[in-house]
Amino acid sequence: MKIISVFILLIYWSIMISAPVMGKNSIKNHNKDRKIVSNF
């Protein structure tokens, strides 16, 4: 039971750490798309 709870905590923390990074990447991609559209 203890091993399972530790495993769940590891998954939880990896999501919490990676979520903001993924969010920043998606925002950058949106800005690139907007620039491409505005050039046309």
PDB file of N, CA and C in Angstrom:
ATOM      1  N   MET A   1       0.842  -1.207   0.000  1.00  0.00           N
ATOM      2  CA  MET A   1       0.000   0.000   0.000  1.00  0.00           C
ATOM      3  C   MET A   1       0.879   1.259   0.000  1.00  0.00           C
ATOM      4  N   LYS A   2       1.936   1.244   0.772  1.00  0.00           N
ATOM      5  CA  LYS A   2       2.838   2.403   0.855  1.00  0.00           C
ATOM      6  C   LYS A   2       3.493   2.672  -0.498  1.00  0.00           C
ATOM      7  N   ILE A   3       3.906   1.598  -1.189  1.00  0.00           N
ATOM      8  CA  ILE A   3       4.548   1.749  -2.499  1.00  0.00           C
ATOM      9  C   ILE A   3       3.578   2.401  -3.486  1.00  0.00           C
ATOM     10  N   ILE A   4       2.322   1.994  -3.444  1.00  0.00           N
ATOM     11  CA  ILE A   4       1.310   2.549  -4.362  1.00  0.00           C
ATOM     12  C   ILE A   4       1.116   4.039  -4.092  1.00  0.00           C
ATOM     13  N   SER A   5       1.054   4.429  -2.835  1.00  0.00           N
ATOM     14  CA  SER A   5       0.846   5.844  -2.491  1.00  0.00           C
ATOM     15  C   SER A   5       2.039   6.688  -2.938  1.00  0.00           C
ATOM     16  N   VAL A   6       3.241   6.169  -2.788  1.00  0.00           N
ATOM     17  CA  VAL A   6       4.446   6.880  -3.242  1.00  0.00           C
ATOM     18  C   VAL A   6       4.406   7.032  -4.757  1.00  0.00           C
ATOM     19  N   PHE A   7       3.999   5.985  -5.450  1.00  0.00           N
ATOM     20  CA  PHE A   7       3.898   6.014  -6.908  1.00  0.00           C
ATOM     21  C   PHE A   7       2.897   7.078  -7.362  1.00  0.00           C
ATOM     22  N   ILE A   8       1.758   7.149  -6.680  1.00  0.00           N
ATOM     23  CA  ILE A   8       0.736   8.157  -7.005  1.00  0.00           C
ATOM     24  C   ILE A   8       1.290   9.563  -6.761  1.00  0.00           C
ATOM     25  N   LEU A   9       2.017   9.745  -5.661  1.00  0.00           N
ATOM     26  CA  LEU A   9       2.620  11.051  -5.375  1.00  0.00           C
ATOM     27  C   LEU A   9       3.618  11.445  -6.464  1.00  0.00           C
ATOM     28  N   LEU A  10       4.429  10.503  -6.929  1.00  0.00           N
ATOM     29  CA  LEU A  10       5.390  10.787  -7.999  1.00  0.00           C
ATOM     30  C   LEU A  10       4.672  11.236  -9.265  1.00  0.00           C
ATOM     31  N   ILE A  11       3.600  10.545  -9.629  1.00  0.00           N
ATOM     32  CA  ILE A  11       2.816  10.928 -10.812  1.00  0.00           C
ATOM     33  C   ILE A  11       2.242  12.325 -10.624  1.00  0.00           C
ATOM     34  N   TYR A  12       1.688  12.580  -9.444  1.00  0.00           N
ATOM     35  CA  TYR A  12       1.077  13.880  -9.141  1.00  0.00           C
ATOM     36  C   TYR A  12       2.096  15.009  -9.283  1.00  0.00           C
ATOM     37  N   TRP A  13       3.283  14.839  -8.693  1.00  0.00           N
ATOM     38  CA  TRP A  13       4.306  15.882  -8.747  1.00  0.00           C
ATOM     39  C   TRP A  13       4.829  16.070 -10.163  1.00  0.00           C
ATOM     40  N   SER A  14       4.960  14.982 -10.924  1.00  0.00           N
ATOM     41  CA  SER A  14       5.447  15.117 -12.306  1.00  0.00           C
ATOM     42  C   SER A  14       4.448  15.915 -13.145  1.00  0.00           C
ATOM     43  N   ILE A  15       3.145  15.712 -12.895  1.00  0.00           N
ATOM     44  CA  ILE A  15       2.113  16.487 -13.604  1.00  0.00           C
ATOM     45  C   ILE A  15       2.187  17.955 -13.181  1.00  0.00           C
ATOM     46  N   MET A  16       2.314  18.200 -11.895  1.00  0.00           N
ATOM     47  CA  MET A  16       2.357  19.576 -11.377  1.00  0.00           C
ATOM     48  C   MET A  16       3.569  20.329 -11.932  1.00  0.00           C
ATOM     49  N   ILE A  17       4.703  19.632 -12.095  1.00  0.00           N
ATOM     50  CA  ILE A  17       5.924  20.267 -12.610  1.00  0.00           C
ATOM     51  C   ILE A  17       5.829  20.463 -14.123  1.00  0.00           C
ATOM     52  N   SER A  18       5.296  19.473 -14.833  1.00  0.00           N
ATOM     53  CA  SER A  18       5.280  19.528 -16.303  1.00  0.00           C
ATOM     54  C   SER A  18       4.133  20.383 -16.841  1.00  0.00           C
ATOM     55  N   ALA A  19       3.034  20.529 -16.096  1.00  0.00           N
ATOM     56  CA  ALA A  19       1.875  21.278 -16.591  1.00  0.00           C
ATOM     57  C   ALA A  19       2.212  22.737 -16.921  1.00  0.00           C
ATOM     58  N   PRO A  20       2.868  23.499 -16.044  1.00  0.00           N
ATOM     59  CA  PRO A  20       3.210  24.892 -16.383  1.00  0.00           C
ATOM     60  C   PRO A  20       4.141  24.978 -17.587  1.00  0.00           C
ATOM     61  N   VAL A  21       5.071  24.029 -17.712  1.00  0.00           N
ATOM     62  CA  VAL A  21       6.001  24.031 -18.852  1.00  0.00           C
ATOM     63  C   VAL A  21       5.223  23.814 -20.151  1.00  0.00           C
ATOM     64  N   MET A  22       4.312  22.839 -20.144  1.00  0.00           N
ATOM     65  CA  MET A  22       3.485  22.585 -21.327  1.00  0.00           C
ATOM     66  C   MET A  22       2.643  23.812 -21.653  1.00  0.00           C
ATOM     67  N   GLY A  23       2.122  24.486 -20.642  1.00  0.00           N
ATOM     68  CA  GLY A  23       1.319  25.693 -20.846  1.00  0.00           C
ATOM     69  C   GLY A  23       2.126  26.793 -21.518  1.00  0.00           C
ATOM     70  N   LYS A  24       3.370  26.996 -21.077  1.00  0.00           N
ATOM     71  CA  LYS A  24       4.237  28.003 -21.680  1.00  0.00           C
ATOM     72  C   LYS A  24       4.509  27.670 -23.137  1.00  0.00           C
ATOM     73  N   ASN A  25       4.765  26.397 -23.432  1.00  0.00           N
ATOM     74  CA  ASN A  25       5.032  25.983 -24.810  1.00  0.00           C
ATOM     75  C   ASN A  25       3.831  26.243 -25.703  1.00  0.00           C
ATOM     76  N   SER A  26       2.634  25.954 -25.214  1.00  0.00           N
ATOM     77  CA  SER A  26       1.432  26.151 -26.022  1.00  0.00           C
ATOM     78  C   SER A  26       1.199  27.637 -26.277  1.00  0.00           C
ATOM     79  N   ILE A  27       1.516  28.484 -25.284  1.00  0.00           N
ATOM     80  CA  ILE A  27       1.356  29.936 -25.464  1.00  0.00           C
ATOM     81  C   ILE A  27       2.337  30.430 -26.529  1.00  0.00           C
ATOM     82  N   LYS A  28       3.576  29.955 -26.480  1.00  0.00           N
ATOM     83  CA  LYS A  28       4.578  30.344 -27.484  1.00  0.00           C
ATOM     84  C   LYS A  28       4.114  29.933 -28.875  1.00  0.00           C
ATOM     85  N   ASN A  29       3.590  28.731 -29.006  1.00  0.00           N
ATOM     86  CA  ASN A  29       3.112  28.252 -30.300  1.00  0.00           C
ATOM     87  C   ASN A  29       1.965  29.122 -30.807  1.00  0.00           C
ATOM     88  N   HIS A  30       1.076  29.545 -29.929  1.00  0.00           N
ATOM     89  CA  HIS A  30      -0.034  30.417 -30.322  1.00  0.00           C
ATOM     90  C   HIS A  30       0.497  31.754 -30.842  1.00  0.00           C
ATOM     91  N   ASN A  31       1.509  32.298 -30.164  1.00  0.00           N
ATOM     92  CA  ASN A  31       2.082  33.571 -30.591  1.00  0.00           C
ATOM     93  C   ASN A  31       2.722  33.429 -31.978  1.00  0.00           C
ATOM     94  N   LYS A  32       3.408  32.320 -32.228  1.00  0.00           N
ATOM     95  CA  LYS A  32       4.007  32.077 -33.550  1.00  0.00           C
ATOM     96  C   LYS A  32       2.920  32.011 -34.616  1.00  0.00           C
ATOM     97  N   ASP A  33       1.837  31.296 -34.319  1.00  0.00           N
ATOM     98  CA  ASP A  33       0.729  31.175 -35.283  1.00  0.00           C
ATOM     99  C   ASP A  33       0.133  32.546 -35.579  1.00  0.00           C
ATOM    100  N   ARG A  34      -0.039  33.370 -34.564  1.00  0.00           N
ATOM    101  CA  ARG A  34      -0.606  34.711 -34.755  1.00  0.00           C
ATOM    102  C   ARG A  34       0.294  35.552 -35.648  1.00  0.00           C
ATOM    103  N   LYS A  35       1.621  35.485 -35.428  1.00  0.00           N
ATOM    104  CA  LYS A  35       2.562  36.251 -36.241  1.00  0.00           C
ATOM    105  C   LYS A  35       2.481  35.828 -37.705  1.00  0.00           C
ATOM    106  N   ILE A  36       2.399  34.521 -37.941  1.00  0.00           N
ATOM    107  CA  ILE A  36       2.309  34.003 -39.318  1.00  0.00           C
ATOM    108  C   ILE A  36       1.037  34.518 -39.964  1.00  0.00           C
ATOM    109  N   VAL A  37      -0.077  34.481 -39.240  1.00  0.00           N
ATOM    110  CA  VAL A  37      -1.364  34.930 -39.784  1.00  0.00           C
ATOM    111  C   VAL A  37      -1.316  36.439 -40.055  1.00  0.00           C
ATOM    112  N   SER A  38      -0.744  37.220 -39.131  1.00  0.00           N
ATOM    113  CA  SER A  38      -0.712  38.687 -39.278  1.00  0.00           C
ATOM    114  C   SER A  38       0.179  39.104 -40.449  1.00  0.00           C
ATOM    115  N   ASN A  39       1.205  38.313 -40.769  1.00  0.00           N
ATOM    116  CA  ASN A  39       2.066  38.658 -41.906  1.00  0.00           C
ATOM    117  C   ASN A  39       1.287  38.598 -43.218  1.00  0.00           C
ATOM    118  N   PHE A  40       0.365  37.653 -43.324  1.00  0.00           N
ATOM    119  CA  PHE A  40      -0.472  37.566 -44.523  1.00  0.00           C
ATOM    120  C   PHE A  40      -1.527  38.658 -44.465  1.00  0.00           C
TER     121      PHE A  40
END
